[in-house]
């Protein structure tokens, strides 16, 4: 029986979907839905099967995204 190992952590200059969602204060599923509907930036890189974004990309997108009532 082979033992499974944990995948390596992403470098600090990349965010997972969970980290993007945490920065925005939303659920990870909400972030995934935004990406799927092309309302958020597409992943810039894949680490194995994990999509990743540069923090500055997410921050810039968050600053420019439309908000209700504005």
Protein backbone atom coordinates (compact mmCIF):
# COMPACT_ATOMS: atom_id res chain seq x y z
CA UNK A 1 0.00 0.00 0.00
CA UNK A 2 1.43 3.38 -0.97
CA UNK A 3 1.19 6.23 1.42
CA UNK A 4 -0.25 9.49 0.11
CA UNK A 5 1.72 12.63 0.73
CA UNK A 6 0.44 16.16 0.98
CA UNK A 7 0.95 18.23 -2.16
CA UNK A 8 3.54 20.98 -1.82
CA UNK A 9 2.27 24.35 -0.65
CA UNK A 10 1.87 27.12 -3.19
CA UNK A 11 4.58 29.77 -3.26
CA UNK A 12 3.71 32.90 -1.28
CA UNK A 13 3.25 34.95 -4.44
CA UNK A 14 0.18 32.90 -5.47
CA UNK A 15 -3.27 32.60 -3.87
CA UNK A 16 -5.59 29.61 -3.91
CA UNK A 17 -9.32 30.03 -4.46
CA UNK A 18 -9.79 29.83 -0.68
CA UNK A 19 -7.27 32.63 -0.11
CA UNK A 20 -8.95 34.80 -2.77
CA UNK A 21 -12.32 34.25 -1.12
CA UNK A 22 -10.91 34.98 2.34
CA UNK A 23 -9.40 38.26 1.11
CA UNK A 24 -12.77 39.29 -0.33
CA UNK A 25 -14.77 38.11 2.68
CA UNK A 26 -16.87 35.69 0.65
CA UNK A 27 -17.34 31.93 0.59
CA UNK A 28 -14.98 29.86 -1.53
CA UNK A 29 -17.97 28.63 -3.54
CA UNK A 30 -18.96 32.21 -4.32
CA UNK A 31 -15.46 32.91 -5.66
CA UNK A 32 -15.62 29.71 -7.74
CA UNK A 33 -18.99 30.79 -9.16
CA UNK A 34 -17.62 34.23 -10.09
CA UNK A 35 -14.71 32.58 -11.90
CA UNK A 36 -16.99 30.07 -13.66
CA UNK A 37 -19.26 32.89 -14.87
CA UNK A 38 -16.19 34.91 -15.96
CA UNK A 39 -17.10 37.65 -13.47
CA UNK A 40 -13.69 37.30 -11.79
CA UNK A 41 -10.22 36.83 -13.24
CA UNK A 42 -9.44 33.43 -14.70
CA UNK A 43 -6.77 31.43 -12.90
CA UNK A 44 -3.32 32.58 -13.93
CA UNK A 45 -1.60 29.32 -13.17
CA UNK A 46 -2.32 25.76 -12.10
CA UNK A 47 -0.38 24.00 -9.38
CA UNK A 48 -1.32 20.41 -10.05
CA UNK A 49 -5.12 20.57 -10.13
CA UNK A 50 -5.30 23.72 -8.02
CA UNK A 51 -5.99 27.04 -9.76
CA UNK A 52 -4.01 30.02 -8.50
CA UNK A 53 -4.01 33.79 -8.85
CA UNK A 54 -1.43 36.45 -8.12
CA UNK A 55 -2.57 38.49 -5.11
CA UNK A 56 -2.23 41.77 -7.01
CA UNK A 57 -4.58 40.51 -9.73
CA UNK A 58 -7.29 39.77 -7.17
CA UNK A 59 -6.72 43.04 -5.31
CA UNK A 60 -6.92 45.09 -8.53
CA UNK A 61 -10.05 43.25 -9.61
CA UNK A 62 -11.65 43.83 -6.18
CA UNK A 63 -10.97 47.56 -6.38
CA UNK A 64 -12.57 47.88 -9.79
CA UNK A 65 -15.52 45.50 -9.47
CA UNK A 66 -19.01 46.96 -9.58
CA UNK A 67 -20.94 47.12 -6.33
CA UNK A 68 -24.68 47.31 -5.75
CA UNK A 69 -25.80 50.83 -5.02
CA UNK A 70 -22.75 52.54 -6.48
